[in-house]
Amino acid sequence: MKPNLRTTSIYWACQIVGWGILVTGNIVNLVLQGHITSQIIFSLLGVFVFGIAISHVFRGLVKHWAWTELGVLQLFPRVIIASISMSLVYNICEGSVNSFLPDTGESILTFSDWSFVIQTLNFSILFFVWSALYFTIHYFQFMRKSEIRNLELRAVNTEIELNNLRNQLRPHFMFNSLNSIRALINDDPENAKEAVTTLSSILRNTLLLGRHERIPLKDELDLVQRYLRMEQIRFEERLNVKYAIPAALGDFPVPPLMLQTLAENAVKHGIARLTNGGLIEIIGAANGAKIELTIINDGQLTNSTNGTSTGLVNTKKRLSLLYGEEASFSICESGNKVICKLTLPKLKLNESTDYR
């Protein structure tokens, strides 16, 4: 992700102010001691210029090597070596410039062994402090972004859970479900009992599963099957369902209620609008380290199913928060059929929040 203008401005302000304070402090100290000369001022300006340049190059290498993603134990020795390397580069640059200035004292060409070592150690400490500050600031920024990301994800998951519960508790859903069950009581008591159990399970699982960040696909599919079974009681022969998901994908982690939301859309915006009903197909396939879930239903795209539906908007947002660009969602129409396709990676944002 590219840094925004505000972050870049803050970084350069910190660079200029930090190195500026260091140089200004040295100048004030030398003035008070009466040791200030024009040559020393030139040398201190070199500290300012080379300090900013070398540390900025180091920042670029840190991003290229992705050091900000390393743990403390992995990062510490790298920072030590980098600090010494930056100090050596600084001494070579500063000493080379000083060798062209008159009366500046020792240059890189005349440094005694101990003088060079001491100056290298001094500036190694300086660059180490710079690195420590940089990684500390980056760490707190990362923690803040992660906290915001988690809060957004919880808000979306809560909204999904409430929307699904609201959809299933909406008057016409409950009315139709109970009416269907009532019609079965005399004619088919066993199916009536099963329908009551199914409806109860839908409501209970919607609440329980929606609290997790990811659940096994088999649990999500079980909820979808119960929901569609309930709808089959209402639509009877108008609703047919076909599943083609390999059992090997059962433990694959998926966001809860996501597939169920798409199944609801297929019924509400597809089958329910067709006089003769139609078919809903739920297909799953492994594709390397990813899984592809496809829901195909008879019908046509409408304004509500072409990106403005709350369920579809929430689906896209949840995928973005959970997986970034590693997941994708698409919906299209082909031959009087609507095709919704989810592609999910096996990545886990946080093991502790997954289903147990």
Protein backbone atom coordinates (compact mmCIF):
# COMPACT_ATOMS: atom_id res chain seq x y z
CA MET A 1 0.00 0.00 0.00
CA LYS A 2 1.39 3.35 -1.02
CA PRO A 3 1.88 5.88 1.80
CA ASN A 4 -0.47 8.85 1.66
CA LEU A 5 0.68 12.46 1.44
CA ARG A 6 0.15 13.09 5.14
CA THR A 7 2.33 10.14 6.18
CA THR A 8 5.07 11.19 3.75
CA SER A 9 4.98 14.78 5.00
CA ILE A 10 5.26 13.65 8.63
CA TYR A 11 8.18 11.37 7.77
CA TRP A 12 10.18 14.15 6.07
CA ALA A 13 9.33 16.61 8.84
CA CYS A 14 10.69 14.13 11.42
CA GLN A 15 13.81 13.57 9.32
CA ILE A 16 14.58 17.26 8.96
CA VAL A 17 13.69 18.17 12.56
CA GLY A 18 15.52 15.17 14.07
CA TRP A 19 18.80 15.60 12.22
CA GLY A 20 18.45 19.37 12.49
CA ILE A 21 18.24 19.18 16.30
CA LEU A 22 21.32 16.97 16.37
CA VAL A 23 23.36 19.37 14.23
CA THR A 24 22.05 22.51 15.98
CA GLY A 25 22.84 21.03 19.39
CA ASN A 26 26.42 20.35 18.34
CA ILE A 27 26.83 23.86 16.94
CA VAL A 28 25.49 25.46 20.13
CA ASN A 29 27.79 23.30 22.25
CA LEU A 30 30.85 24.23 20.14
CA VAL A 31 29.95 27.92 20.22
CA LEU A 32 29.72 27.83 24.01
CA GLN A 33 33.14 26.16 24.14
CA GLY A 34 34.59 28.60 21.63
CA HIS A 35 35.67 25.83 19.26
CA ILE A 36 33.41 26.67 16.35
CA THR A 37 34.99 27.18 12.91
CA SER A 38 33.65 27.43 9.39
CA GLN A 39 35.22 24.08 8.57
CA ILE A 40 33.42 22.44 11.51
CA ILE A 41 30.13 23.98 10.37
CA PHE A 42 30.68 22.43 6.91
CA SER A 43 31.39 19.10 8.61
CA LEU A 44 28.19 19.31 10.68
CA LEU A 45 26.19 20.17 7.57
CA GLY A 46 27.59 16.93 6.16
CA VAL A 47 26.12 15.13 9.18
CA PHE A 48 22.73 16.66 8.36
CA VAL A 49 22.82 15.83 4.64
CA PHE A 50 24.42 12.38 4.82
CA GLY A 51 22.33 11.42 7.87
CA ILE A 52 19.09 12.10 6.03
CA ALA A 53 20.30 10.52 2.79
CA ILE A 54 21.66 7.31 4.33
CA SER A 55 18.71 6.78 6.68
CA HIS A 56 16.27 7.41 3.82
CA VAL A 57 18.02 4.80 1.65
CA PHE A 58 17.88 2.41 4.62
CA ARG A 59 14.12 3.04 4.94
CA GLY A 60 13.71 2.08 1.28
CA LEU A 61 15.63 -1.15 1.84
CA VAL A 62 13.54 -1.92 4.92
CA LYS A 63 10.38 -1.69 2.82
CA HIS A 64 11.91 -3.71 -0.03
CA TRP A 65 13.05 -6.50 2.32
CA ALA A 66 9.79 -6.31 4.34
CA TRP A 67 11.61 -6.00 7.66
CA THR A 68 8.58 -4.39 9.24
CA GLU A 69 6.86 -7.79 9.06
CA LEU A 70 9.60 -9.53 11.07
CA GLY A 71 9.48 -10.37 14.76
CA VAL A 72 11.73 -8.65 17.30
CA LEU A 73 14.18 -11.57 17.54
CA GLN A 74 14.58 -11.66 13.76
CA LEU A 75 14.74 -7.89 13.43
CA PHE A 76 17.26 -7.06 16.19
CA PRO A 77 20.44 -8.58 14.64
CA ARG A 78 19.54 -7.12 11.25
CA VAL A 79 19.19 -3.64 12.72
CA ILE A 80 22.55 -3.98 14.51
CA ILE A 81 24.32 -4.95 11.29
CA ALA A 82 22.49 -2.25 9.33
CA SER A 83 23.42 0.42 11.91
CA ILE A 84 27.11 -0.47 11.67
CA SER A 85 26.91 -0.55 7.88
CA MET A 86 25.22 2.86 7.76
CA SER A 87 27.88 4.26 10.10
CA LEU A 88 30.66 2.97 7.86
CA VAL A 89 29.01 4.47 4.78
CA TYR A 90 28.59 7.76 6.63
CA ASN A 91 32.24 7.88 7.72
CA ILE A 92 33.44 7.16 4.20
CA CYS A 93 31.18 9.87 2.71
CA GLU A 94 31.95 12.45 5.40
CA GLY A 95 35.66 11.70 5.41
CA SER A 96 35.85 11.91 1.61
CA VAL A 97 34.21 15.34 1.64
CA ASN A 98 36.41 16.56 4.47
CA SER A 99 39.53 15.55 2.57
CA PHE A 100 38.72 18.25 0.01
CA LEU A 101 38.21 20.97 2.64
CA PRO A 102 41.19 22.88 4.09
CA ASP A 103 42.01 22.68 7.80
CA THR A 104 39.19 20.35 8.76
CA GLY A 105 41.39 18.10 10.79
CA GLU A 106 41.47 14.37 10.11
CA SER A 107 39.75 13.07 7.00
CA ILE A 108 39.06 9.56 5.85
CA LEU A 109 42.59 9.49 4.46
CA THR A 110 44.27 10.42 7.77
CA PHE A 111 42.07 8.81 10.42
CA SER A 112 44.00 6.76 12.92
CA ASP A 113 42.67 3.25 13.44
CA TRP A 114 41.13 4.00 16.85
CA SER A 115 39.67 7.32 15.76
CA PHE A 116 37.85 5.63 12.86
CA VAL A 117 36.57 2.82 15.09
CA ILE A 118 35.32 5.22 17.78
CA GLN A 119 33.52 7.41 15.24
CA THR A 120 32.00 4.32 13.63
CA LEU A 121 30.68 3.14 17.00
CA ASN A 122 29.31 6.58 17.81
CA PHE A 123 27.39 6.85 14.59
CA SER A 124 26.31 3.20 14.81
CA ILE A 125 24.55 4.11 18.05
CA LEU A 126 23.00 7.13 16.35
CA PHE A 127 21.68 5.08 13.43
CA PHE A 128 20.49 2.36 15.82
CA VAL A 129 18.45 4.94 17.73
CA TRP A 130 17.03 6.19 14.42
CA SER A 131 16.09 2.62 13.47
CA ALA A 132 14.55 1.92 16.88
CA LEU A 133 12.39 5.04 16.61
CA TYR A 134 11.37 4.19 13.04
CA PHE A 135 10.32 0.61 13.85
CA THR A 136 8.58 1.69 17.06
CA ILE A 137 6.51 4.31 15.23
CA HIS A 138 5.73 1.82 12.46
CA TYR A 139 4.69 -0.78 15.06
CA PHE A 140 2.22 1.57 16.74
CA GLN A 141 0.84 2.65 13.36
CA PHE A 142 0.38 -1.00 12.42
CA MET A 143 -1.35 -1.75 15.74
CA ARG A 144 -3.68 1.21 15.26
CA LYS A 145 -4.57 0.15 11.70
CA SER A 146 -5.12 -3.44 12.86
CA GLU A 147 -7.38 -2.25 15.66
CA ILE A 148 -9.43 -0.13 13.24
CA ARG A 149 -9.55 -3.05 10.78
CA ASN A 150 -10.77 -5.44 13.49
CA LEU A 151 -13.41 -2.96 14.68
CA GLU A 152 -14.67 -2.53 11.12
CA LEU A 153 -14.75 -6.31 10.66
CA ARG A 154 -16.69 -6.81 13.90
CA ALA A 155 -19.15 -4.11 12.85
CA VAL A 156 -19.68 -5.75 9.45
CA ASN A 157 -20.05 -9.22 10.99
CA THR A 158 -22.56 -7.86 13.50
CA GLU A 159 -24.48 -6.18 10.69
CA ILE A 160 -24.48 -9.42 8.69
CA GLU A 161 -25.72 -11.37 11.72
CA LEU A 162 -28.48 -8.87 12.45
CA ASN A 163 -29.50 -8.64 8.79
CA ASN A 164 -29.75 -12.42 8.48
CA LEU A 165 -31.70 -12.70 11.71
CA ARG A 166 -33.95 -9.81 10.63
CA ASN A 167 -34.54 -11.48 7.26
CA GLN A 168 -35.52 -14.73 8.92
CA LEU A 169 -37.68 -13.02 11.52
CA ARG A 170 -39.34 -10.72 8.99
CA PRO A 171 -43.12 -11.18 9.16
CA HIS A 172 -43.68 -12.75 5.75
CA PHE A 173 -40.84 -15.26 6.20
CA MET A 174 -42.17 -16.40 9.58
CA PHE A 175 -45.74 -16.31 8.30
CA ASN A 176 -44.96 -18.41 5.24
CA SER A 177 -42.80 -20.86 7.23
CA LEU A 178 -45.43 -21.33 9.96
CA ASN A 179 -48.19 -21.56 7.36
CA SER A 180 -46.27 -24.29 5.57
CA ILE A 181 -45.73 -26.14 8.85
CA ARG A 182 -49.44 -25.77 9.75
CA ALA A 183 -50.42 -27.30 6.40
CA LEU A 184 -48.19 -30.28 7.13
CA ILE A 185 -49.47 -30.98 10.64
CA ASN A 186 -52.52 -32.96 9.53
CA ASP A 187 -51.23 -34.35 6.24
CA ASP A 188 -47.65 -35.14 7.18
CA PRO A 189 -46.94 -34.80 10.93
CA GLU A 190 -43.39 -36.15 10.65
CA ASN A 191 -42.42 -33.54 8.06
CA ALA A 192 -44.11 -30.88 10.17
CA LYS A 193 -41.92 -31.81 13.12
CA GLU A 194 -38.84 -31.76 10.91
CA ALA A 195 -39.81 -28.33 9.58
CA VAL A 196 -40.13 -26.92 13.12
CA THR A 197 -36.71 -28.34 13.98
CA THR A 198 -35.25 -26.88 10.77
CA LEU A 199 -36.66 -23.42 11.46
CA SER A 200 -35.35 -23.53 15.03
CA SER A 201 -31.91 -24.58 13.81
CA ILE A 202 -31.78 -21.77 11.25
CA LEU A 203 -32.46 -19.12 13.88
CA ARG A 204 -30.07 -20.63 16.44
CA ASN A 205 -27.20 -21.21 14.00
CA THR A 206 -27.56 -17.74 12.51
CA LEU A 207 -26.81 -16.30 15.94
CA LEU A 208 -24.08 -18.76 16.94
CA LEU A 209 -22.10 -19.02 13.71
CA GLY A 210 -22.21 -15.29 13.01
CA ARG A 211 -20.04 -14.60 16.08
CA HIS A 212 -16.96 -16.25 14.53
CA GLU A 213 -14.59 -14.81 11.98
CA ARG A 214 -14.35 -18.07 10.05
CA ILE A 215 -16.04 -21.45 10.30
CA PRO A 216 -15.59 -24.78 8.46
CA LEU A 217 -17.35 -24.86 5.09
CA LYS A 218 -19.33 -27.93 6.19
CA ASP A 219 -20.97 -25.91 9.01
CA GLU A 220 -21.82 -23.05 6.67
CA LEU A 221 -23.17 -25.52 4.11
CA ASP A 222 -25.30 -27.19 6.79
CA LEU A 223 -26.97 -23.83 7.52
CA VAL A 224 -27.53 -23.23 3.80
CA GLN A 225 -29.09 -26.67 3.37
CA ARG A 226 -31.45 -26.10 6.30
CA TYR A 227 -32.47 -22.71 4.95
CA LEU A 228 -33.15 -24.04 1.44
CA ARG A 229 -35.01 -27.04 2.87
CA MET A 230 -37.29 -24.60 4.67
CA GLU A 231 -37.84 -22.65 1.47
CA GLN A 232 -38.59 -25.87 -0.41
CA ILE A 233 -41.51 -26.46 1.94
CA ARG A 234 -42.89 -23.05 0.89
CA PHE A 235 -42.12 -23.22 -2.84
CA GLU A 236 -42.64 -26.99 -3.14
CA GLU A 237 -41.76 -28.19 -6.66
CA ARG A 238 -40.92 -24.63 -7.77
CA LEU A 239 -37.58 -24.79 -5.95
CA ASN A 240 -34.99 -27.40 -6.82
CA VAL A 241 -31.52 -27.48 -5.31
CA LYS A 242 -28.39 -29.24 -6.51
CA TYR A 243 -25.14 -29.48 -4.53
CA ALA A 244 -21.72 -30.29 -5.97
CA ILE A 245 -19.19 -29.67 -3.21
CA PRO A 246 -16.46 -32.29 -2.56
CA ALA A 247 -16.36 -33.62 1.00
CA ALA A 248 -12.62 -32.84 1.09
CA LEU A 249 -13.48 -29.13 1.24
CA GLY A 250 -15.53 -29.53 4.42
CA ASP A 251 -12.83 -28.19 6.76
CA PHE A 252 -11.92 -25.23 4.56
CA PRO A 253 -12.37 -21.99 6.58
CA VAL A 254 -14.96 -19.55 5.21
CA PRO A 255 -16.60 -16.40 6.60
CA PRO A 256 -19.86 -17.34 8.35
CA LEU A 257 -23.22 -16.53 6.77
CA MET A 258 -21.58 -15.43 3.53
CA LEU A 259 -22.72 -18.40 1.44
CA GLN A 260 -26.09 -18.34 3.20
CA THR A 261 -26.55 -14.66 2.27
CA LEU A 262 -25.94 -15.50 -1.39
CA ALA A 263 -28.38 -18.40 -1.18
CA GLU A 264 -31.03 -16.02 0.21
CA ASN A 265 -30.42 -13.64 -2.69
CA ALA A 266 -30.79 -16.53 -5.15
CA VAL A 267 -34.20 -17.39 -3.68
CA LYS A 268 -35.48 -13.85 -3.16
CA HIS A 269 -34.27 -12.26 -6.41
CA GLY A 270 -34.28 -15.37 -8.59
CA ILE A 271 -36.64 -18.26 -7.86
CA ALA A 272 -39.35 -16.18 -6.14
CA ARG A 273 -39.73 -14.00 -9.24
CA LEU A 274 -40.25 -16.94 -11.63
CA THR A 275 -43.75 -18.34 -12.12
CA ASN A 276 -42.45 -21.85 -12.69
CA GLY A 277 -39.61 -21.55 -10.18
CA GLY A 278 -36.21 -22.90 -11.03
CA LEU A 279 -32.96 -24.50 -9.93
CA ILE A 280 -30.28 -23.34 -7.50
CA GLU A 281 -26.86 -24.95 -7.89
CA ILE A 282 -24.16 -24.68 -5.23
CA ILE A 283 -20.77 -25.74 -6.52
CA GLY A 284 -17.39 -25.90 -4.78
CA ALA A 285 -13.95 -26.60 -6.21
CA ALA A 286 -10.35 -26.41 -5.00
CA ASN A 287 -7.95 -24.35 -7.06
CA GLY A 288 -4.45 -24.64 -5.62
CA ALA A 289 -4.34 -22.78 -2.30
CA LYS A 290 -7.77 -21.29 -2.96
CA ILE A 291 -11.36 -22.43 -3.07
CA GLU A 292 -14.04 -21.37 -5.53
CA LEU A 293 -17.68 -21.34 -4.40
CA THR A 294 -20.31 -20.73 -7.06
CA ILE A 295 -24.07 -20.25 -6.70
CA ILE A 296 -26.07 -20.45 -9.94
CA ASN A 297 -29.79 -19.74 -9.99
CA ASP A 298 -32.41 -19.38 -12.68
CA GLY A 299 -33.45 -15.77 -13.14
CA GLN A 300 -32.09 -12.44 -14.22
CA LEU A 301 -30.08 -9.68 -12.64
CA THR A 302 -32.09 -6.79 -11.26
CA ASN A 303 -30.99 -3.48 -9.77
CA SER A 304 -31.05 -5.02 -6.31
CA THR A 305 -28.84 -7.93 -7.32
CA ASN A 306 -26.40 -5.96 -9.42
CA GLY A 307 -24.35 -4.46 -6.62
CA THR A 308 -26.79 -2.37 -4.60
CA SER A 309 -28.18 -5.17 -2.41
CA THR A 310 -27.12 -4.80 1.22
CA GLY A 311 -26.13 -8.47 1.36
CA LEU A 312 -23.85 -8.22 -1.67
CA VAL A 313 -22.31 -4.93 -0.50
CA ASN A 314 -21.56 -6.49 2.89
CA THR A 315 -20.11 -9.56 1.19
CA LYS A 316 -17.63 -7.45 -0.78
CA LYS A 317 -16.69 -5.40 2.28
CA ARG A 318 -16.12 -8.47 4.46
CA LEU A 319 -13.91 -10.05 1.81
CA SER A 320 -11.85 -6.85 1.58
CA LEU A 321 -11.40 -6.64 5.36
CA LEU A 322 -10.58 -10.32 5.78
CA TYR A 323 -8.40 -11.02 2.76
CA GLY A 324 -7.58 -7.75 0.99
CA GLU A 325 -6.91 -8.46 -2.67
CA GLU A 326 -6.44 -12.20 -2.08
CA ALA A 327 -10.19 -12.87 -2.39
CA SER A 328 -12.69 -11.92 -5.06
CA PHE A 329 -16.44 -11.81 -5.64
CA SER A 330 -18.31 -11.52 -8.92
CA ILE A 331 -21.91 -11.67 -10.08
CA CYS A 332 -23.08 -11.88 -13.68
CA GLU A 333 -25.93 -13.09 -15.90
CA SER A 334 -25.52 -15.81 -18.51
CA GLY A 335 -28.31 -17.51 -20.44
CA ASN A 336 -31.16 -16.60 -18.04
CA LYS A 337 -29.04 -17.67 -15.10
CA VAL A 338 -27.39 -15.54 -12.41
CA ILE A 339 -23.90 -16.66 -11.39
CA CYS A 340 -22.31 -15.59 -8.10
CA LYS A 341 -18.71 -16.66 -7.60
CA LEU A 342 -16.55 -16.45 -4.47
CA THR A 343 -12.81 -17.10 -4.53
CA LEU A 344 -11.24 -17.44 -1.08
CA PRO A 345 -7.63 -18.08 0.00
CA LYS A 346 -6.55 -20.31 2.86
CA LEU A 347 -5.13 -17.31 4.66
CA LYS A 348 -6.20 -16.79 8.27
CA LEU A 349 -6.28 -13.25 9.59
CA ASN A 350 -6.29 -14.33 13.24
CA GLU A 351 -6.24 -17.93 14.42
CA SER A 352 -7.78 -17.03 17.77
CA THR A 353 -10.95 -15.69 16.19
CA ASP A 354 -11.62 -18.71 14.00
CA TYR A 355 -14.28 -21.30 14.78
CA ARG A 356 -13.51 -23.78 17.52
